[in-house]
Amino acid sequence: MKKLVLAAAFAAAATTAANAGGMAAPVMEAPVVVQETSASSAGGFIVPLILLALVAAAVAR
């Protein structure tokens, strides 16, 4: 009978130790949002094209 009581006490102690922290709310991190910028290739050649047109107009006068 002592072994049965000892085994029950050990099982109860082991179960209590496993749940010592209690039920805590899970910590959820905010998702990381990666936003890609759309690279416009129009800005790379429109400005020099406008400058070339202005120079050509100035030379033509």
Protein backbone atom coordinates (compact mmCIF):
# COMPACT_ATOMS: atom_id res chain seq x y z
CA MET A 1 0.00 0.00 0.00
CA LYS A 2 2.90 2.36 0.75
CA LYS A 3 4.29 1.79 -2.75
CA LEU A 4 0.93 2.66 -4.29
CA VAL A 5 0.67 5.89 -2.29
CA LEU A 6 4.31 6.73 -3.09
CA ALA A 7 3.73 6.10 -6.82
CA ALA A 8 0.60 8.26 -6.78
CA ALA A 9 2.42 11.06 -4.96
CA PHE A 10 5.31 10.87 -7.45
CA ALA A 11 2.91 10.95 -10.41
CA ALA A 12 1.09 13.95 -8.96
CA ALA A 13 4.37 15.78 -8.34
CA ALA A 14 5.62 15.05 -11.87
CA THR A 15 2.38 16.30 -13.40
CA THR A 16 2.40 19.47 -11.32
CA ALA A 17 6.00 20.25 -12.26
CA ALA A 18 5.21 19.92 -15.96
CA ASN A 19 2.47 22.55 -15.67
CA ALA A 20 4.21 24.82 -13.17
CA GLY A 21 3.94 27.88 -15.41
CA GLY A 22 0.22 27.57 -15.87
CA MET A 23 -1.60 28.39 -19.06
CA ALA A 24 0.03 31.45 -20.53
CA ALA A 25 -1.24 33.22 -23.60
CA PRO A 26 0.86 32.38 -26.65
CA VAL A 27 3.18 35.13 -27.80
CA MET A 28 2.59 35.86 -31.46
CA GLU A 29 4.93 38.18 -33.31
CA ALA A 30 3.65 40.53 -35.94
CA PRO A 31 4.25 39.28 -39.48
CA VAL A 32 7.04 40.97 -41.40
CA VAL A 33 5.71 42.76 -44.48
CA VAL A 34 8.19 43.27 -47.31
CA GLN A 35 7.05 45.80 -49.85
CA GLU A 36 8.93 45.97 -53.10
CA THR A 37 9.13 49.34 -54.75
CA SER A 38 8.31 49.36 -58.40
CA ALA A 39 11.31 50.70 -60.24
CA SER A 40 10.27 52.93 -63.10
CA SER A 41 12.64 52.75 -66.01
CA ALA A 42 10.93 55.77 -67.59
CA GLY A 43 12.76 58.21 -65.30
CA GLY A 44 16.10 56.99 -66.56
CA PHE A 45 15.80 58.22 -70.12
CA ILE A 46 13.01 60.82 -70.15
CA VAL A 47 15.00 63.54 -68.38
CA PRO A 48 18.03 63.29 -70.71
CA LEU A 49 15.64 63.12 -73.68
CA ILE A 50 13.96 66.37 -72.58
CA LEU A 51 17.35 68.02 -72.07
CA LEU A 52 18.44 66.87 -75.53
CA ALA A 53 15.25 68.33 -77.03
CA LEU A 54 15.87 71.64 -75.23
CA VAL A 55 19.47 71.77 -76.48
CA ALA A 56 18.33 70.93 -80.02
CA ALA A 57 15.67 73.66 -79.85
CA ALA A 58 18.26 76.17 -78.60
CA VAL A 59 20.68 75.26 -81.38
CA ALA A 60 17.97 75.48 -84.04
CA ARG A 61 17.20 79.12 -83.20
